[in-house]
N, C-alpha and C. Protein backbone atom coordinates (compact mmCIF):
# COMPACT_ATOMS: atom_id res chain seq x y z
N UNK A 1 -5.77 -31.67 53.92
CA UNK A 1 -5.44 -30.60 54.78
C UNK A 1 -4.81 -29.43 54.04
N UNK A 2 -3.57 -29.60 53.15
CA UNK A 2 -3.15 -28.73 52.47
C UNK A 2 -4.05 -27.78 51.59
N UNK A 3 -5.09 -28.47 50.89
CA UNK A 3 -5.94 -28.01 50.02
C UNK A 3 -6.90 -27.11 50.76
N UNK A 4 -7.35 -27.45 51.98
CA UNK A 4 -8.50 -26.98 52.86
C UNK A 4 -7.82 -25.53 53.35
N UNK A 5 -6.34 -25.65 53.72
CA UNK A 5 -5.80 -24.29 54.20
C UNK A 5 -5.57 -23.49 52.87
N UNK A 6 -5.23 -24.18 51.94
CA UNK A 6 -4.89 -23.04 50.88
C UNK A 6 -6.37 -22.55 50.17
N UNK A 7 -7.31 -23.48 50.12
CA UNK A 7 -8.42 -22.67 49.56
C UNK A 7 -9.47 -21.97 50.55
N UNK A 8 -9.37 -22.24 51.82
CA UNK A 8 -10.21 -21.45 52.63
C UNK A 8 -9.46 -20.64 53.68
N UNK A 9 -8.37 -21.05 54.34
CA UNK A 9 -7.70 -20.20 55.36
C UNK A 9 -6.74 -19.23 54.80
N UNK A 10 -5.92 -19.61 53.79
CA UNK A 10 -5.09 -18.63 53.13
C UNK A 10 -5.70 -17.29 52.73
N UNK A 11 -7.07 -17.57 52.03
CA UNK A 11 -7.56 -16.21 51.69
C UNK A 11 -8.02 -15.32 52.63
N UNK A 12 -8.47 -16.07 54.08
CA UNK A 12 -8.80 -15.31 54.96
C UNK A 12 -7.64 -14.38 55.48
N UNK A 13 -6.34 -14.52 55.35
CA UNK A 13 -5.33 -13.69 55.77
C UNK A 13 -5.43 -12.47 54.80
N UNK A 14 -5.91 -12.43 53.63
CA UNK A 14 -5.84 -11.33 52.74
C UNK A 14 -7.15 -10.60 53.16
N UNK A 15 -8.12 -11.28 53.42
CA UNK A 15 -9.51 -10.57 53.64
C UNK A 15 -9.96 -11.00 54.89
N UNK A 16 -9.67 -10.67 56.07
CA UNK A 16 -10.11 -11.37 57.46
C UNK A 16 -11.58 -10.81 57.94
N UNK A 17 -12.17 -10.33 57.08
CA UNK A 17 -13.71 -9.73 57.23
C UNK A 17 -14.56 -10.80 58.25
N UNK A 18 -14.48 -11.97 57.67
CA UNK A 18 -15.37 -13.20 58.24
C UNK A 18 -14.92 -13.29 59.69
N UNK A 19 -13.49 -13.38 59.95
CA UNK A 19 -13.23 -13.58 61.30
C UNK A 19 -13.27 -12.27 61.91
N UNK A 20 -13.04 -11.13 61.51
CA UNK A 20 -13.37 -9.91 62.19
C UNK A 20 -14.50 -9.67 62.70
N UNK A 21 -15.76 -10.14 61.78
CA UNK A 21 -17.04 -9.92 62.31
C UNK A 21 -17.47 -10.79 63.36
N UNK A 22 -17.06 -12.15 63.30
CA UNK A 22 -17.41 -13.15 64.31
C UNK A 22 -16.46 -13.23 65.34
N UNK A 23 -16.63 -12.31 66.34
CA UNK A 23 -15.56 -12.25 67.46
C UNK A 23 -15.44 -13.31 68.21
N UNK A 24 -16.61 -14.11 68.30
CA UNK A 24 -16.54 -15.36 69.58
C UNK A 24 -16.27 -16.77 68.80
N UNK A 25 -17.43 -17.17 68.20
CA UNK A 25 -17.47 -18.51 67.73
C UNK A 25 -16.48 -18.86 66.63
N UNK A 26 -16.45 -18.17 65.49
CA UNK A 26 -15.59 -18.40 64.50
C UNK A 26 -13.95 -18.35 64.85
N UNK A 27 -13.65 -17.39 65.70
CA UNK A 27 -12.27 -17.44 65.91
C UNK A 27 -11.75 -18.48 67.00
N UNK A 28 -12.67 -19.07 67.71
CA UNK A 28 -12.37 -20.46 68.38
C UNK A 28 -12.32 -21.41 67.57
N UNK A 29 -13.26 -21.41 66.57
CA UNK A 29 -13.05 -22.53 65.62
C UNK A 29 -11.72 -22.54 64.77
N UNK A 30 -11.50 -21.26 64.36
CA UNK A 30 -10.32 -21.02 63.57
C UNK A 30 -9.05 -21.60 64.22
N UNK A 31 -8.99 -21.14 65.57
CA UNK A 31 -7.70 -21.42 66.48
C UNK A 31 -7.68 -23.03 66.59
N UNK A 32 -8.87 -23.57 66.92
CA UNK A 32 -8.68 -24.88 67.01
C UNK A 32 -8.50 -25.75 65.82
N UNK A 33 -9.15 -25.25 64.76
CA UNK A 33 -8.87 -25.72 63.63
C UNK A 33 -7.23 -26.14 63.03
N UNK A 34 -6.71 -24.97 63.48
CA UNK A 34 -5.28 -24.66 63.10
C UNK A 34 -4.65 -25.78 63.94
N UNK A 35 -4.86 -25.90 65.26
CA UNK A 35 -4.16 -26.72 66.03
C UNK A 35 -4.22 -28.25 65.40
N UNK A 36 -5.52 -28.41 64.77
CA UNK A 36 -5.80 -29.79 64.47
C UNK A 36 -4.95 -29.93 63.12
N UNK A 37 -4.99 -28.76 62.20
CA UNK A 37 -4.30 -29.08 61.17
C UNK A 37 -2.62 -29.22 61.37
N UNK A 38 -2.20 -28.50 62.34
CA UNK A 38 -0.70 -28.63 62.59
C UNK A 38 -0.39 -30.09 62.94
N UNK A 39 -1.46 -30.56 63.79
CA UNK A 39 -1.27 -31.93 64.26
C UNK A 39 -1.15 -32.91 63.17
N UNK A 40 -2.10 -32.73 62.32
CA UNK A 40 -2.07 -33.62 60.94
C UNK A 40 -0.84 -33.20 59.95
N UNK A 41 -0.44 -32.21 59.86
CA UNK A 41 0.75 -31.93 59.01
C UNK A 41 1.92 -32.59 59.54
N UNK A 42 1.91 -32.84 61.07
CA UNK A 42 3.25 -33.28 61.45
C UNK A 42 2.83 -34.74 61.64
N UNK A 43 1.91 -35.28 62.07
CA UNK A 43 1.83 -36.78 62.44
C UNK A 43 0.82 -37.55 61.21
N UNK A 44 0.32 -36.89 60.34
CA UNK A 44 -0.43 -37.64 59.30
C UNK A 44 -1.74 -38.41 59.98
N UNK A 45 -2.22 -37.74 60.97
CA UNK A 45 -3.38 -38.30 61.51
C UNK A 45 -4.42 -37.18 62.16
N UNK A 46 -5.48 -37.70 62.19
CA UNK A 46 -6.60 -36.47 62.93
C UNK A 46 -6.96 -36.97 64.16
N UNK A 47 -6.84 -35.93 65.05
CA UNK A 47 -7.27 -36.27 66.56
C UNK A 47 -8.43 -34.94 66.55
N UNK A 48 -8.82 -35.23 67.85
CA UNK A 48 -10.03 -34.05 68.12
C UNK A 48 -9.33 -32.63 68.40
N UNK A 49 -9.97 -31.69 68.12
CA UNK A 49 -9.34 -30.23 68.20
C UNK A 49 -8.77 -30.16 69.70
N UNK A 50 -9.58 -30.68 70.87
CA UNK A 50 -8.92 -30.69 72.05
C UNK A 50 -7.55 -31.13 72.19
N UNK A 51 -7.60 -32.47 71.85
CA UNK A 51 -6.13 -33.22 71.75
C UNK A 51 -5.20 -32.52 71.14
N UNK A 52 -5.68 -31.88 69.93
CA UNK A 52 -4.56 -31.33 68.96
C UNK A 52 -4.10 -29.89 69.47
N UNK A 53 -5.01 -29.26 70.21
CA UNK A 53 -4.85 -27.93 71.00
C UNK A 53 -3.79 -28.13 72.09
N UNK A 54 -4.07 -29.16 73.06
CA UNK A 54 -3.05 -29.60 74.03
C UNK A 54 -1.80 -29.97 73.63
N UNK A 55 -1.82 -30.57 72.31
CA UNK A 55 -0.53 -31.06 71.68
C UNK A 55 0.31 -30.01 71.10
N UNK A 56 -0.56 -28.93 70.49
CA UNK A 56 0.33 -27.76 70.36
C UNK A 56 0.80 -27.03 71.43
N UNK A 57 0.13 -26.73 72.39
CA UNK A 57 0.47 -26.00 73.61
C UNK A 57 1.76 -26.74 74.30
N UNK A 58 1.57 -27.96 74.18
CA UNK A 58 3.12 -28.75 74.61
C UNK A 58 4.16 -28.70 73.81
N UNK A 59 3.98 -28.72 72.46
CA UNK A 59 5.03 -28.90 71.54
C UNK A 59 5.44 -27.64 71.06
N UNK A 60 4.69 -26.59 70.61
CA UNK A 60 5.03 -25.63 69.87
C UNK A 60 5.55 -24.38 70.67
N UNK A 61 5.70 -23.22 69.90
CA UNK A 61 5.98 -21.96 70.60
C UNK A 61 4.93 -21.53 71.84
N UNK A 62 5.45 -21.29 72.97
CA UNK A 62 4.46 -20.96 74.00
C UNK A 62 3.70 -19.66 73.84
N UNK A 63 3.95 -18.70 72.87
CA UNK A 63 3.48 -17.46 72.70
C UNK A 63 2.09 -18.01 72.08
N UNK A 64 1.76 -19.09 71.64
CA UNK A 64 0.33 -19.44 71.18
C UNK A 64 -0.63 -20.12 72.32
N UNK A 65 -0.08 -20.18 73.47
CA UNK A 65 -0.79 -21.07 74.68
C UNK A 65 -2.13 -19.82 75.24
N UNK A 66 -1.79 -18.56 75.00
CA UNK A 66 -3.00 -17.83 75.63
C UNK A 66 -4.19 -17.91 74.51
N UNK A 67 -4.01 -17.92 73.31
CA UNK A 67 -4.98 -17.74 72.18
C UNK A 67 -5.69 -19.27 72.20
N UNK A 68 -4.77 -20.09 72.46
CA UNK A 68 -5.41 -21.56 72.66
C UNK A 68 -6.29 -21.83 73.70
N UNK A 69 -5.71 -21.21 74.66
CA UNK A 69 -6.55 -21.32 76.21
C UNK A 69 -7.85 -20.43 75.76
N UNK A 70 -7.75 -19.39 75.11
CA UNK A 70 -9.07 -18.74 75.02
C UNK A 70 -10.12 -19.40 73.86
N UNK A 71 -9.54 -20.24 73.08
CA UNK A 71 -10.48 -20.97 72.05
C UNK A 71 -11.05 -22.32 72.84
N UNK A 72 -9.97 -22.56 73.69
CA UNK A 72 -10.81 -23.84 74.32
C UNK A 72 -11.77 -23.30 75.42
N UNK A 73 -11.65 -22.37 76.05
CA UNK A 73 -12.45 -21.83 76.91
C UNK A 73 -13.90 -21.64 76.33
N UNK A 74 -14.05 -21.34 75.09
CA UNK A 74 -15.28 -21.04 74.17
C UNK A 74 -16.16 -20.33 75.06
N UNK A 75 -15.62 -19.05 75.26
CA UNK A 75 -16.50 -18.16 76.16
C UNK A 75 -16.37 -16.91 75.65
N UNK A 76 -17.60 -15.99 75.38
CA UNK A 76 -17.70 -14.85 74.83
C UNK A 76 -16.85 -13.65 75.64
N UNK A 77 -16.61 -13.94 76.83
CA UNK A 77 -15.80 -13.11 77.56
C UNK A 77 -14.25 -13.25 77.24
N UNK A 78 -13.91 -14.38 76.64
CA UNK A 78 -12.37 -14.64 76.41
C UNK A 78 -12.25 -15.09 74.82
N UNK A 79 -12.83 -14.21 74.06
CA UNK A 79 -12.83 -14.54 72.66
C UNK A 79 -11.14 -14.46 72.35
N UNK A 80 -10.76 -15.10 71.31
CA UNK A 80 -9.68 -15.21 70.83
C UNK A 80 -9.16 -13.88 70.25
N UNK A 81 -8.00 -13.16 70.52
CA UNK A 81 -7.75 -12.00 69.88
C UNK A 81 -7.54 -12.20 68.37
N UNK A 82 -8.12 -10.98 67.82
CA UNK A 82 -8.26 -11.13 66.18
C UNK A 82 -6.74 -11.29 65.53
N UNK A 83 -5.86 -10.21 65.79
CA UNK A 83 -4.44 -10.23 65.50
C UNK A 83 -3.69 -11.40 65.76
N UNK A 84 -3.91 -12.08 66.99
CA UNK A 84 -3.22 -13.39 67.33
C UNK A 84 -3.70 -14.46 66.70
N UNK A 85 -5.07 -14.48 66.37
CA UNK A 85 -5.78 -15.53 65.73
C UNK A 85 -5.28 -15.51 64.18
N UNK A 86 -5.13 -14.37 63.49
CA UNK A 86 -4.42 -14.28 62.22
C UNK A 86 -3.05 -14.57 62.07
N UNK A 87 -2.34 -14.25 63.36
CA UNK A 87 -0.97 -14.64 63.26
C UNK A 87 -0.94 -15.99 63.41
N UNK A 88 -1.53 -16.75 64.22
CA UNK A 88 -1.81 -18.17 64.31
C UNK A 88 -1.87 -19.07 62.91
N UNK A 89 -3.02 -18.48 62.24
CA UNK A 89 -3.19 -18.79 60.87
C UNK A 89 -1.95 -18.77 60.02
N UNK A 90 -1.31 -17.65 60.05
CA UNK A 90 -0.02 -17.58 59.30
C UNK A 90 0.99 -18.56 59.49
N UNK A 91 1.14 -18.77 60.91
CA UNK A 91 1.97 -19.67 61.30
C UNK A 91 1.71 -21.16 60.88
N UNK A 92 0.61 -21.48 60.93
CA UNK A 92 0.27 -22.82 60.24
C UNK A 92 0.41 -23.01 58.93
N UNK A 93 0.34 -21.91 58.11
CA UNK A 93 0.46 -22.07 56.86
C UNK A 93 1.94 -21.81 56.57
N UNK A 94 2.78 -21.44 57.45
CA UNK A 94 4.36 -21.61 57.25
C UNK A 94 4.77 -22.97 57.66
N UNK A 95 3.91 -23.68 58.45
CA UNK A 95 4.41 -25.20 58.68
C UNK A 95 3.73 -26.15 57.74
N UNK A 96 2.79 -25.83 56.80
CA UNK A 96 2.03 -26.41 55.83
C UNK A 96 3.19 -27.25 54.83
N UNK A 97 2.96 -28.42 54.90
CA UNK A 97 3.79 -29.10 53.92
C UNK A 97 3.51 -28.78 52.48
N UNK A 98 4.65 -28.41 51.79
CA UNK A 98 4.55 -27.97 50.44
C UNK A 98 4.10 -28.76 49.31
N UNK A 99 4.55 -30.13 49.63
CA UNK A 99 4.09 -31.10 48.40
C UNK A 99 3.76 -32.48 49.00
């Protein structure tokens, strides 16, 4: 998971063009993938994106709840906010184990 974050997600923070263009689907995917990574970083196990999202909502900073709710809704009318999605990716990177 660390290498996936470092090789795929961290570069998107420097150039978020892909996330910016894909308002709906990719932002949902990004948010739910970050939930799954956070769960794996802490527990060393892989669970479904939905289970990981619910876990993050219950155990992490409540500021992430709305963006996770939007991702779980998977609705074009409730696409996760770009800046909040990028902030959540940064947050995940901050909690990423270093070695």
